[in-house]
């Protein structure tokens, strides 16, 4: 029986690390400082929840 392992949710980081003072999101990945800080310890479900919010932040 083959073991299926889901790949981890990859980071949305695009190496443009600068915070937008008004919106308090990174202008590269649209995550908050807290989300960036916690990313490596988040569960897959937590990462997916953050990813689901990013598109709505792009028009901020």
PDB file of N, CA and C in Angstrom:
ATOM      1  N   UNK A   1       0.849  -1.174   0.000  1.00  0.00           N
ATOM      2  CA  UNK A   1       0.000   0.000   0.000  1.00  0.00           C
ATOM      3  C   UNK A   1       0.898   1.241   0.000  1.00  0.00           C
ATOM      4  N   UNK A   2       0.629   2.150  -0.900  1.00  0.00           N
ATOM      5  CA  UNK A   2       1.420   3.375  -1.005  1.00  0.00           C
ATOM      6  C   UNK A   2       0.963   4.372   0.049  1.00  0.00           C
ATOM      7  N   UNK A   3       1.918   5.040   0.626  1.00  0.00           N
ATOM      8  CA  UNK A   3       1.640   6.071   1.626  1.00  0.00           C
ATOM      9  C   UNK A   3       1.560   7.414   0.902  1.00  0.00           C
ATOM     10  N   UNK A   4       0.447   8.085   1.046  1.00  0.00           N
ATOM     11  CA  UNK A   4       0.286   9.396   0.410  1.00  0.00           C
ATOM     12  C   UNK A   4       0.502  10.491   1.440  1.00  0.00           C
ATOM     13  N   UNK A   5       1.461  11.307   1.167  1.00  0.00           N
ATOM     14  CA  UNK A   5       1.770  12.419   2.060  1.00  0.00           C
ATOM     15  C   UNK A   5       1.465  13.711   1.316  1.00  0.00           C
ATOM     16  N   UNK A   6       0.627  14.534   1.932  1.00  0.00           N
ATOM     17  CA  UNK A   6       0.305  15.830   1.328  1.00  0.00           C
ATOM     18  C   UNK A   6       1.508  16.748   1.464  1.00  0.00           C
ATOM     19  N   UNK A   7       1.813  17.498   0.426  1.00  0.00           N
ATOM     20  CA  UNK A   7       2.897  18.473   0.553  1.00  0.00           C
ATOM     21  C   UNK A   7       2.465  19.592   1.503  1.00  0.00           C
ATOM     22  N   UNK A   8       3.430  20.159   2.200  1.00  0.00           N
ATOM     23  CA  UNK A   8       3.136  21.280   3.088  1.00  0.00           C
ATOM     24  C   UNK A   8       2.680  22.476   2.277  1.00  0.00           C
ATOM     25  N   UNK A   9       1.851  23.302   2.892  1.00  0.00           N
ATOM     26  CA  UNK A   9       1.444  24.554   2.270  1.00  0.00           C
ATOM     27  C   UNK A   9       2.681  25.431   2.222  1.00  0.00           C
ATOM     28  N   UNK A  10       3.088  25.806   1.020  1.00  0.00           N
ATOM     29  CA  UNK A  10       4.306  26.605   0.901  1.00  0.00           C
ATOM     30  C   UNK A  10       4.036  28.062   1.259  1.00  0.00           C
ATOM     31  N   UNK A  11       5.066  28.725   1.666  1.00  0.00           N
ATOM     32  CA  UNK A  11       4.982  30.119   2.071  1.00  0.00           C
ATOM     33  C   UNK A  11       4.665  31.001   0.859  1.00  0.00           C
ATOM     34  N   UNK A  12       3.839  32.025   1.060  1.00  0.00           N
ATOM     35  CA  UNK A  12       3.547  32.965  -0.026  1.00  0.00           C
ATOM     36  C   UNK A  12       4.636  34.015  -0.210  1.00  0.00           C
ATOM     37  N   UNK A  13       5.710  33.911   0.555  1.00  0.00           N
ATOM     38  CA  UNK A  13       6.795  34.893   0.498  1.00  0.00           C
ATOM     39  C   UNK A  13       7.403  34.959  -0.902  1.00  0.00           C
ATOM     40  N   UNK A  14       7.593  36.192  -1.398  1.00  0.00           N
ATOM     41  CA  UNK A  14       8.239  36.387  -2.707  1.00  0.00           C
ATOM     42  C   UNK A  14       9.496  37.241  -2.566  1.00  0.00           C
ATOM     43  N   UNK A  15      10.030  37.284  -1.350  1.00  0.00           N
ATOM     44  CA  UNK A  15      11.266  38.015  -1.036  1.00  0.00           C
ATOM     45  C   UNK A  15      11.191  39.511  -1.285  1.00  0.00           C
ATOM     46  N   UNK A  16      10.005  40.072  -1.114  1.00  0.00           N
ATOM     47  CA  UNK A  16       9.829  41.527  -1.085  1.00  0.00           C
ATOM     48  C   UNK A  16       9.305  41.814   0.315  1.00  0.00           C
ATOM     49  N   UNK A  17      10.229  41.956   1.235  1.00  0.00           N
ATOM     50  CA  UNK A  17       9.890  42.032   2.659  1.00  0.00           C
ATOM     51  C   UNK A  17       9.878  43.472   3.131  1.00  0.00           C
ATOM     52  N   UNK A  18       8.720  44.079   3.025  1.00  0.00           N
ATOM     53  CA  UNK A  18       8.559  45.467   3.462  1.00  0.00           C
ATOM     54  C   UNK A  18       7.129  45.622   3.962  1.00  0.00           C
ATOM     55  N   UNK A  19       6.962  46.191   5.134  1.00  0.00           N
ATOM     56  CA  UNK A  19       5.637  46.334   5.720  1.00  0.00           C
ATOM     57  C   UNK A  19       4.968  47.619   5.255  1.00  0.00           C
ATOM     58  N   UNK A  20       3.698  47.506   4.914  1.00  0.00           N
ATOM     59  CA  UNK A  20       2.873  48.655   4.588  1.00  0.00           C
ATOM     60  C   UNK A  20       2.397  49.222   5.924  1.00  0.00           C
ATOM     61  N   UNK A  21       2.827  50.415   6.255  1.00  0.00           N
ATOM     62  CA  UNK A  21       2.520  51.025   7.551  1.00  0.00           C
ATOM     63  C   UNK A  21       1.022  51.183   7.782  1.00  0.00           C
ATOM     64  N   UNK A  22       0.288  51.526   6.744  1.00  0.00           N
ATOM     65  CA  UNK A  22      -1.144  51.768   6.886  1.00  0.00           C
ATOM     66  C   UNK A  22      -1.915  50.477   7.143  1.00  0.00           C
ATOM     67  N   UNK A  23      -1.632  49.445   6.373  1.00  0.00           N
ATOM     68  CA  UNK A  23      -2.400  48.204   6.463  1.00  0.00           C
ATOM     69  C   UNK A  23      -1.762  47.161   7.371  1.00  0.00           C
ATOM     70  N   UNK A  24      -0.477  47.352   7.685  1.00  0.00           N
ATOM     71  CA  UNK A  24       0.265  46.447   8.556  1.00  0.00           C
ATOM     72  C   UNK A  24       0.411  45.047   7.978  1.00  0.00           C
ATOM     73  N   UNK A  25       0.495  44.973   6.648  1.00  0.00           N
ATOM     74  CA  UNK A  25       0.768  43.724   5.947  1.00  0.00           C
ATOM     75  C   UNK A  25       2.037  43.890   5.130  1.00  0.00           C
ATOM     76  N   UNK A  26       2.723  42.798   4.909  1.00  0.00           N
ATOM     77  CA  UNK A  26       3.880  42.817   4.026  1.00  0.00           C
ATOM     78  C   UNK A  26       3.410  43.107   2.603  1.00  0.00           C
ATOM     79  N   UNK A  27       4.085  44.000   1.895  1.00  0.00           N
ATOM     80  CA  UNK A  27       3.671  44.339   0.527  1.00  0.00           C
ATOM     81  C   UNK A  27       4.010  43.221  -0.462  1.00  0.00           C
ATOM     82  N   UNK A  28       4.837  42.264  -0.059  1.00  0.00           N
ATOM     83  CA  UNK A  28       5.179  41.148  -0.934  1.00  0.00           C
ATOM     84  C   UNK A  28       4.223  39.979  -0.806  1.00  0.00           C
ATOM     85  N   UNK A  29       3.915  39.583   0.429  1.00  0.00           N
ATOM     86  CA  UNK A  29       3.100  38.377   0.627  1.00  0.00           C
ATOM     87  C   UNK A  29       1.747  38.656   1.283  1.00  0.00           C
ATOM     88  N   UNK A  30       1.531  39.865   1.754  1.00  0.00           N
ATOM     89  CA  UNK A  30       0.268  40.296   2.372  1.00  0.00           C
ATOM     90  C   UNK A  30      -0.036  39.607   3.696  1.00  0.00           C
ATOM     91  N   UNK A  31       1.001  39.066   4.350  1.00  0.00           N
ATOM     92  CA  UNK A  31       0.804  38.505   5.686  1.00  0.00           C
ATOM     93  C   UNK A  31       1.150  39.556   6.731  1.00  0.00           C
ATOM     94  N   UNK A  32       0.545  39.406   7.913  1.00  0.00           N
ATOM     95  CA  UNK A  32       0.888  40.277   9.036  1.00  0.00           C
ATOM     96  C   UNK A  32       2.208  39.807   9.636  1.00  0.00           C
ATOM     97  N   UNK A  33       2.812  40.647  10.458  1.00  0.00           N
ATOM     98  CA  UNK A  33       4.052  40.252  11.132  1.00  0.00           C
ATOM     99  C   UNK A  33       3.833  39.001  11.983  1.00  0.00           C
ATOM    100  N   UNK A  34       2.707  38.921  12.658  1.00  0.00           N
ATOM    101  CA  UNK A  34       2.404  37.753  13.489  1.00  0.00           C
ATOM    102  C   UNK A  34       2.300  36.490  12.629  1.00  0.00           C
ATOM    103  N   UNK A  35       1.653  36.588  11.483  1.00  0.00           N
ATOM    104  CA  UNK A  35       1.536  35.424  10.589  1.00  0.00           C
ATOM    105  C   UNK A  35       2.899  34.992  10.054  1.00  0.00           C
ATOM    106  N   UNK A  36       3.726  35.966   9.712  1.00  0.00           N
ATOM    107  CA  UNK A  36       5.073  35.662   9.219  1.00  0.00           C
ATOM    108  C   UNK A  36       5.877  34.975  10.326  1.00  0.00           C
ATOM    109  N   UNK A  37       5.796  35.511  11.527  1.00  0.00           N
ATOM    110  CA  UNK A  37       6.543  34.974  12.661  1.00  0.00           C
ATOM    111  C   UNK A  37       6.106  33.544  12.984  1.00  0.00           C
ATOM    112  N   UNK A  38       4.826  33.267  12.934  1.00  0.00           N
ATOM    113  CA  UNK A  38       4.297  31.963  13.326  1.00  0.00           C
ATOM    114  C   UNK A  38       4.275  30.928  12.208  1.00  0.00           C
ATOM    115  N   UNK A  39       4.531  31.324  10.968  1.00  0.00           N
ATOM    116  CA  UNK A  39       4.353  30.444   9.812  1.00  0.00           C
ATOM    117  C   UNK A  39       4.985  29.066  10.002  1.00  0.00           C
ATOM    118  N   UNK A  40       6.207  29.003  10.445  1.00  0.00           N
ATOM    119  CA  UNK A  40       6.908  27.721  10.537  1.00  0.00           C
ATOM    120  C   UNK A  40       6.327  26.793  11.602  1.00  0.00           C
ATOM    121  N   UNK A  41       5.566  27.331  12.543  1.00  0.00           N
ATOM    122  CA  UNK A  41       4.976  26.493  13.578  1.00  0.00           C
ATOM    123  C   UNK A  41       3.472  26.297  13.409  1.00  0.00           C
ATOM    124  N   UNK A  42       2.890  26.904  12.377  1.00  0.00           N
ATOM    125  CA  UNK A  42       1.455  26.755  12.123  1.00  0.00           C
ATOM    126  C   UNK A  42       1.145  25.360  11.597  1.00  0.00           C
ATOM    127  N   UNK A  43      -0.063  24.911  11.906  1.00  0.00           N
ATOM    128  CA  UNK A  43      -0.551  23.656  11.332  1.00  0.00           C
ATOM    129  C   UNK A  43      -0.928  23.910   9.869  1.00  0.00           C
ATOM    130  N   UNK A  44      -1.134  22.844   9.133  1.00  0.00           N
ATOM    131  CA  UNK A  44      -1.542  22.990   7.735  1.00  0.00           C
ATOM    132  C   UNK A  44      -2.865  23.741   7.648  1.00  0.00           C
ATOM    133  N   UNK A  45      -3.797  23.439   8.536  1.00  0.00           N
ATOM    134  CA  UNK A  45      -5.092  24.132   8.521  1.00  0.00           C
ATOM    135  C   UNK A  45      -4.937  25.626   8.791  1.00  0.00           C
ATOM    136  N   UNK A  46      -4.044  25.979   9.709  1.00  0.00           N
ATOM    137  CA  UNK A  46      -3.806  27.401   9.994  1.00  0.00           C
ATOM    138  C   UNK A  46      -3.197  28.089   8.780  1.00  0.00           C
ATOM    139  N   UNK A  47      -2.255  27.440   8.134  1.00  0.00           N
ATOM    140  CA  UNK A  47      -1.642  28.015   6.933  1.00  0.00           C
ATOM    141  C   UNK A  47      -2.670  28.192   5.822  1.00  0.00           C
ATOM    142  N   UNK A  48      -3.519  27.204   5.634  1.00  0.00           N
ATOM    143  CA  UNK A  48      -4.566  27.310   4.611  1.00  0.00           C
ATOM    144  C   UNK A  48      -5.518  28.455   4.915  1.00  0.00           C
ATOM    145  N   UNK A  49      -5.818  28.668   6.192  1.00  0.00           N
ATOM    146  CA  UNK A  49      -6.703  29.772   6.579  1.00  0.00           C
ATOM    147  C   UNK A  49      -6.060  31.120   6.247  1.00  0.00           C
ATOM    148  N   UNK A  50      -4.762  31.252   6.509  1.00  0.00           N
ATOM    149  CA  UNK A  50      -4.048  32.486   6.165  1.00  0.00           C
ATOM    150  C   UNK A  50      -4.055  32.670   4.652  1.00  0.00           C
ATOM    151  N   UNK A  51      -3.727  31.618   3.928  1.00  0.00           N
ATOM    152  CA  UNK A  51      -3.689  31.708   2.462  1.00  0.00           C
ATOM    153  C   UNK A  51      -5.041  32.145   1.894  1.00  0.00           C
ATOM    154  N   UNK A  52      -6.126  31.669   2.486  1.00  0.00           N
ATOM    155  CA  UNK A  52      -7.468  32.027   2.020  1.00  0.00           C
ATOM    156  C   UNK A  52      -7.756  33.513   2.203  1.00  0.00           C
ATOM    157  N   UNK A  53      -7.122  34.147   3.173  1.00  0.00           N
ATOM    158  CA  UNK A  53      -7.338  35.572   3.435  1.00  0.00           C
ATOM    159  C   UNK A  53      -6.482  36.491   2.569  1.00  0.00           C
ATOM    160  N   UNK A  54      -5.405  35.969   2.008  1.00  0.00           N
ATOM    161  CA  UNK A  54      -4.448  36.834   1.326  1.00  0.00           C
ATOM    162  C   UNK A  54      -5.029  37.545   0.102  1.00  0.00           C
ATOM    163  N   UNK A  55      -5.852  36.864  -0.672  1.00  0.00           N
ATOM    164  CA  UNK A  55      -6.400  37.487  -1.880  1.00  0.00           C
ATOM    165  C   UNK A  55      -7.224  38.727  -1.538  1.00  0.00           C
ATOM    166  N   UNK A  56      -7.967  38.669  -0.449  1.00  0.00           N
ATOM    167  CA  UNK A  56      -8.782  39.833  -0.078  1.00  0.00           C
ATOM    168  C   UNK A  56      -7.915  40.998   0.408  1.00  0.00           C
ATOM    169  N   UNK A  57      -6.708  40.715   0.821  1.00  0.00           N
ATOM    170  CA  UNK A  57      -5.797  41.754   1.299  1.00  0.00           C
ATOM    171  C   UNK A  57      -5.055  42.453   0.153  1.00  0.00           C
ATOM    172  N   UNK A  58      -5.003  41.849  -1.000  1.00  0.00           N
ATOM    173  CA  UNK A  58      -4.242  42.421  -2.100  1.00  0.00           C
ATOM    174  C   UNK A  58      -4.834  43.724  -2.602  1.00  0.00           C
ATOM    175  N   UNK A  59      -6.110  43.930  -2.401  1.00  0.00           N
ATOM    176  CA  UNK A  59      -6.762  45.152  -2.849  1.00  0.00           C
ATOM    177  C   UNK A  59      -6.843  46.210  -1.779  1.00  0.00           C
ATOM    178  N   UNK A  60      -6.123  45.981  -0.666  1.00  0.00           N
ATOM    179  CA  UNK A  60      -6.188  46.899   0.481  1.00  0.00           C
ATOM    180  C   UNK A  60      -5.660  48.253   0.099  1.00  0.00           C
TER     181      UNK A  60
END
